[in-house]
Amino acid sequence: MNDPELQSAIDAFEAGDFPQAARLLEPLANAGEAEAQFRMALTCQNGLGIEMDPDKAFEWMRSAAEQGHAMAQHGLGFMYLHGECTDKDGALAVEWLSKAAGQGLQGARTTLGLMYRQGLGVAPDEEKARYWYRQAGFDDV
């Protein structure tokens, strides 16, 4: 990472200094930095150092996801799956989780397998469930 401002913000976030992280992340997020947007989404969603703001959490997560940030795509898929910060929408959950899975995120692949196995937001489909579990590295599912 070459941006010292972003690195300082991430360091504050990782150290648990969420008020400082939010102060450092917000201008970077407003400038379009996907990693800062993703971390601002988490900050707003969970009230980390600032007041919880589900609407802003959704906006930040979507902005980062649309830029191709894999963890944000995963997070946005979860938001749609569980109706957190937005309405439940199984089709959009699959869309965003699939994008994250396509970038190699094992958690997104596992979640897709679970969705299809249990019919969470989608029609149950054992073949698709097995496919996603295999993609996640589970051989005997």
C-alpha atoms as a PDB file:
ATOM      1  CA  MET A   1       0.000   0.000   0.000  1.00  0.00           C
ATOM      2  CA  ASN A   2       1.512   3.288  -1.110  1.00  0.00           C
ATOM      3  CA  ASP A   3      -0.949   5.744   0.451  1.00  0.00           C
ATOM      4  CA  PRO A   4       0.335   6.742   3.909  1.00  0.00           C
ATOM      5  CA  GLU A   5      -2.998   8.379   4.827  1.00  0.00           C
ATOM      6  CA  LEU A   6      -4.889   5.189   4.077  1.00  0.00           C
ATOM      7  CA  GLN A   7      -2.307   3.126   5.936  1.00  0.00           C
ATOM      8  CA  SER A   8      -2.646   5.376   9.004  1.00  0.00           C
ATOM      9  CA  ALA A   9      -6.425   4.975   8.881  1.00  0.00           C
ATOM     10  CA  ILE A  10      -6.153   1.196   8.555  1.00  0.00           C
ATOM     11  CA  ASP A  11      -3.626   1.081  11.407  1.00  0.00           C
ATOM     12  CA  ALA A  12      -6.032   3.020  13.654  1.00  0.00           C
ATOM     13  CA  PHE A  13      -8.899   0.729  12.632  1.00  0.00           C
ATOM     14  CA  GLU A  14      -6.881  -2.439  13.271  1.00  0.00           C
ATOM     15  CA  ALA A  15      -5.701  -1.080  16.635  1.00  0.00           C
ATOM     16  CA  GLY A  16      -9.328  -0.533  17.664  1.00  0.00           C
ATOM     17  CA  ASP A  17      -9.054   3.273  17.725  1.00  0.00           C
ATOM     18  CA  PHE A  18     -12.321   3.605  15.843  1.00  0.00           C
ATOM     19  CA  PRO A  19     -12.981   7.324  16.436  1.00  0.00           C
ATOM     20  CA  GLN A  20      -9.563   8.139  14.967  1.00  0.00           C
ATOM     21  CA  ALA A  21     -10.047   5.599  12.173  1.00  0.00           C
ATOM     22  CA  ALA A  22     -13.384   7.160  11.220  1.00  0.00           C
ATOM     23  CA  ARG A  23     -11.841  10.652  11.133  1.00  0.00           C
ATOM     24  CA  LEU A  24      -9.067   9.413   8.860  1.00  0.00           C
ATOM     25  CA  LEU A  25     -11.198   7.124   6.697  1.00  0.00           C
ATOM     26  CA  GLU A  26     -14.095   9.447   5.917  1.00  0.00           C
ATOM     27  CA  PRO A  27     -12.267  11.917   3.641  1.00  0.00           C
ATOM     28  CA  LEU A  28     -10.603   9.030   1.829  1.00  0.00           C
ATOM     29  CA  ALA A  29     -13.959   7.293   1.406  1.00  0.00           C
ATOM     30  CA  ASN A  30     -15.507  10.517   0.113  1.00  0.00           C
ATOM     31  CA  ALA A  31     -12.657  10.714  -2.411  1.00  0.00           C
ATOM     32  CA  GLY A  32     -13.614   7.258  -3.730  1.00  0.00           C
ATOM     33  CA  GLU A  33     -11.036   5.016  -2.022  1.00  0.00           C
ATOM     34  CA  ALA A  34     -12.702   1.563  -1.963  1.00  0.00           C
ATOM     35  CA  GLU A  35     -10.830   0.223   1.085  1.00  0.00           C
ATOM     36  CA  ALA A  36     -11.769   3.331   3.058  1.00  0.00           C
ATOM     37  CA  GLN A  37     -15.384   2.989   1.906  1.00  0.00           C
ATOM     38  CA  PHE A  38     -15.467  -0.650   3.009  1.00  0.00           C
ATOM     39  CA  ARG A  39     -14.096   0.189   6.441  1.00  0.00           C
ATOM     40  CA  MET A  40     -16.458   3.162   6.793  1.00  0.00           C
ATOM     41  CA  ALA A  41     -19.314   0.788   6.003  1.00  0.00           C
ATOM     42  CA  LEU A  42     -18.232  -1.476   8.851  1.00  0.00           C
ATOM     43  CA  THR A  43     -17.821   1.527  11.121  1.00  0.00           C
ATOM     44  CA  CYS A  44     -21.303   2.865  10.345  1.00  0.00           C
ATOM     45  CA  GLN A  45     -22.955  -0.567  10.433  1.00  0.00           C
ATOM     46  CA  ASN A  46     -21.570  -1.456  13.839  1.00  0.00           C
ATOM     47  CA  GLY A  47     -21.282   1.966  15.473  1.00  0.00           C
ATOM     48  CA  LEU A  48     -17.514   1.680  15.807  1.00  0.00           C
ATOM     49  CA  GLY A  49     -16.380   5.016  17.221  1.00  0.00           C
ATOM     50  CA  ILE A  50     -19.344   6.798  15.677  1.00  0.00           C
ATOM     51  CA  GLU A  51     -23.099   6.513  15.858  1.00  0.00           C
ATOM     52  CA  MET A  52     -24.619   3.590  13.951  1.00  0.00           C
ATOM     53  CA  ASP A  53     -25.979   4.654  10.579  1.00  0.00           C
ATOM     54  CA  PRO A  54     -27.415   1.759   8.537  1.00  0.00           C
ATOM     55  CA  ASP A  55     -28.154   3.957   5.514  1.00  0.00           C
ATOM     56  CA  LYS A  56     -24.584   5.227   5.296  1.00  0.00           C
ATOM     57  CA  ALA A  57     -23.266   1.725   5.958  1.00  0.00           C
ATOM     58  CA  PHE A  58     -25.207   0.464   2.953  1.00  0.00           C
ATOM     59  CA  GLU A  59     -24.087   3.366   0.751  1.00  0.00           C
ATOM     60  CA  TRP A  60     -20.411   2.877   1.635  1.00  0.00           C
ATOM     61  CA  MET A  61     -20.594  -0.889   1.196  1.00  0.00           C
ATOM     62  CA  ARG A  62     -22.299  -0.571  -2.172  1.00  0.00           C
ATOM     63  CA  SER A  63     -19.799   2.047  -3.369  1.00  0.00           C
ATOM     64  CA  ALA A  64     -16.835  -0.152  -2.487  1.00  0.00           C
ATOM     65  CA  ALA A  65     -18.511  -3.266  -3.920  1.00  0.00           C
ATOM     66  CA  GLU A  66     -19.237  -1.509  -7.211  1.00  0.00           C
ATOM     67  CA  GLN A  67     -15.515  -0.736  -7.467  1.00  0.00           C
ATOM     68  CA  GLY A  68     -14.750  -4.450  -7.259  1.00  0.00           C
ATOM     69  CA  HIS A  69     -13.671  -4.620  -3.597  1.00  0.00           C
ATOM     70  CA  ALA A  70     -14.142  -8.341  -2.847  1.00  0.00           C
ATOM     71  CA  MET A  71     -14.819  -8.020   0.883  1.00  0.00           C
ATOM     72  CA  ALA A  72     -17.336  -5.245   0.202  1.00  0.00           C
ATOM     73  CA  GLN A  73     -19.066  -7.450  -2.370  1.00  0.00           C
ATOM     74  CA  HIS A  74     -19.234 -10.160   0.275  1.00  0.00           C
ATOM     75  CA  GLY A  75     -20.514  -7.659   2.844  1.00  0.00           C
ATOM     76  CA  LEU A  76     -23.142  -6.296   0.483  1.00  0.00           C
ATOM     77  CA  GLY A  77     -24.293  -9.827  -0.288  1.00  0.00           C
ATOM     78  CA  PHE A  78     -24.699 -10.459   3.436  1.00  0.00           C
ATOM     79  CA  MET A  79     -26.640  -7.233   3.837  1.00  0.00           C
ATOM     80  CA  TYR A  80     -29.080  -8.377   1.171  1.00  0.00           C
ATOM     81  CA  LEU A  81     -29.224 -11.919   2.535  1.00  0.00           C
ATOM     82  CA  HIS A  82     -30.072 -10.875   6.089  1.00  0.00           C
ATOM     83  CA  GLY A  83     -31.874  -7.593   5.443  1.00  0.00           C
ATOM     84  CA  GLU A  84     -29.225  -5.604   7.314  1.00  0.00           C
ATOM     85  CA  CYS A  85     -29.083  -1.937   6.321  1.00  0.00           C
ATOM     86  CA  THR A  86     -31.388  -2.727   3.370  1.00  0.00           C
ATOM     87  CA  ASP A  87     -34.312  -4.941   2.428  1.00  0.00           C
ATOM     88  CA  LYS A  88     -33.787  -8.681   2.078  1.00  0.00           C
ATOM     89  CA  ASP A  89     -33.232  -9.677  -1.525  1.00  0.00           C
ATOM     90  CA  GLY A  90     -32.033 -13.200  -2.284  1.00  0.00           C
ATOM     91  CA  ALA A  91     -31.296 -12.478  -5.930  1.00  0.00           C
ATOM     92  CA  LEU A  92     -29.078  -9.503  -5.080  1.00  0.00           C
ATOM     93  CA  ALA A  93     -27.424 -11.504  -2.298  1.00  0.00           C
ATOM     94  CA  VAL A  94     -26.500 -14.190  -4.839  1.00  0.00           C
ATOM     95  CA  GLU A  95     -25.324 -11.579  -7.344  1.00  0.00           C
ATOM     96  CA  TRP A  96     -22.924  -9.883  -4.926  1.00  0.00           C
ATOM     97  CA  LEU A  97     -21.763 -13.039  -3.179  1.00  0.00           C
ATOM     98  CA  SER A  98     -21.056 -14.566  -6.600  1.00  0.00           C
ATOM     99  CA  LYS A  99     -18.879 -11.587  -7.495  1.00  0.00           C
ATOM    100  CA  ALA A 100     -16.919 -12.026  -4.268  1.00  0.00           C
ATOM    101  CA  ALA A 101     -16.722 -15.791  -4.838  1.00  0.00           C
ATOM    102  CA  GLY A 102     -15.365 -15.104  -8.312  1.00  0.00           C
ATOM    103  CA  GLN A 103     -12.524 -13.226  -6.668  1.00  0.00           C
ATOM    104  CA  GLY A 104     -11.688 -16.280  -4.596  1.00  0.00           C
ATOM    105  CA  LEU A 105     -13.362 -15.496  -1.275  1.00  0.00           C
ATOM    106  CA  GLN A 106     -13.980 -18.836   0.387  1.00  0.00           C
ATOM    107  CA  GLY A 107     -16.536 -17.349   2.785  1.00  0.00           C
ATOM    108  CA  ALA A 108     -18.662 -16.119  -0.112  1.00  0.00           C
ATOM    109  CA  ARG A 109     -18.499 -19.536  -1.765  1.00  0.00           C
ATOM    110  CA  THR A 110     -19.464 -21.248   1.486  1.00  0.00           C
ATOM    111  CA  THR A 111     -22.360 -18.827   2.021  1.00  0.00           C
ATOM    112  CA  LEU A 112     -23.653 -19.527  -1.481  1.00  0.00           C
ATOM    113  CA  GLY A 113     -23.507 -23.250  -0.761  1.00  0.00           C
ATOM    114  CA  LEU A 114     -25.453 -22.727   2.450  1.00  0.00           C
ATOM    115  CA  MET A 115     -28.026 -20.546   0.700  1.00  0.00           C
ATOM    116  CA  TYR A 116     -28.708 -23.182  -1.939  1.00  0.00           C
ATOM    117  CA  ARG A 117     -28.661 -26.071   0.516  1.00  0.00           C
ATOM    118  CA  GLN A 118     -31.076 -24.423   2.951  1.00  0.00           C
ATOM    119  CA  GLY A 119     -33.079 -22.344   0.484  1.00  0.00           C
ATOM    120  CA  LEU A 120     -32.082 -19.036   2.096  1.00  0.00           C
ATOM    121  CA  GLY A 121     -33.297 -16.328  -0.248  1.00  0.00           C
ATOM    122  CA  VAL A 122     -33.228 -18.778  -3.170  1.00  0.00           C
ATOM    123  CA  ALA A 123     -34.979 -21.967  -4.145  1.00  0.00           C
ATOM    124  CA  PRO A 124     -33.166 -24.965  -2.655  1.00  0.00           C
ATOM    125  CA  ASP A 125     -30.834 -26.505  -5.211  1.00  0.00           C
ATOM    126  CA  GLU A 126     -28.585 -29.315  -4.024  1.00  0.00           C
ATOM    127  CA  GLU A 127     -26.539 -29.327  -7.222  1.00  0.00           C
ATOM    128  CA  LYS A 128     -25.705 -25.632  -6.869  1.00  0.00           C
ATOM    129  CA  ALA A 129     -25.032 -26.115  -3.162  1.00  0.00           C
ATOM    130  CA  ARG A 130     -22.523 -28.875  -3.877  1.00  0.00           C
ATOM    131  CA  TYR A 131     -20.904 -26.793  -6.603  1.00  0.00           C
ATOM    132  CA  TRP A 132     -20.327 -23.859  -4.253  1.00  0.00           C
ATOM    133  CA  TYR A 133     -19.135 -26.055  -1.396  1.00  0.00           C
ATOM    134  CA  ARG A 134     -16.618 -27.698  -3.757  1.00  0.00           C
ATOM    135  CA  GLN A 135     -15.505 -24.253  -4.914  1.00  0.00           C
ATOM    136  CA  ALA A 136     -14.942 -23.395  -1.245  1.00  0.00           C
ATOM    137  CA  GLY A 137     -12.688 -26.413  -0.852  1.00  0.00           C
ATOM    138  CA  PHE A 138     -15.057 -28.869   0.791  1.00  0.00           C
ATOM    139  CA  ASP A 139     -14.746 -32.229  -0.965  1.00  0.00           C
ATOM    140  CA  ASP A 140     -17.313 -34.381   0.826  1.00  0.00           C
ATOM    141  CA  VAL A 141     -20.492 -32.363   1.004  1.00  0.00           C
END
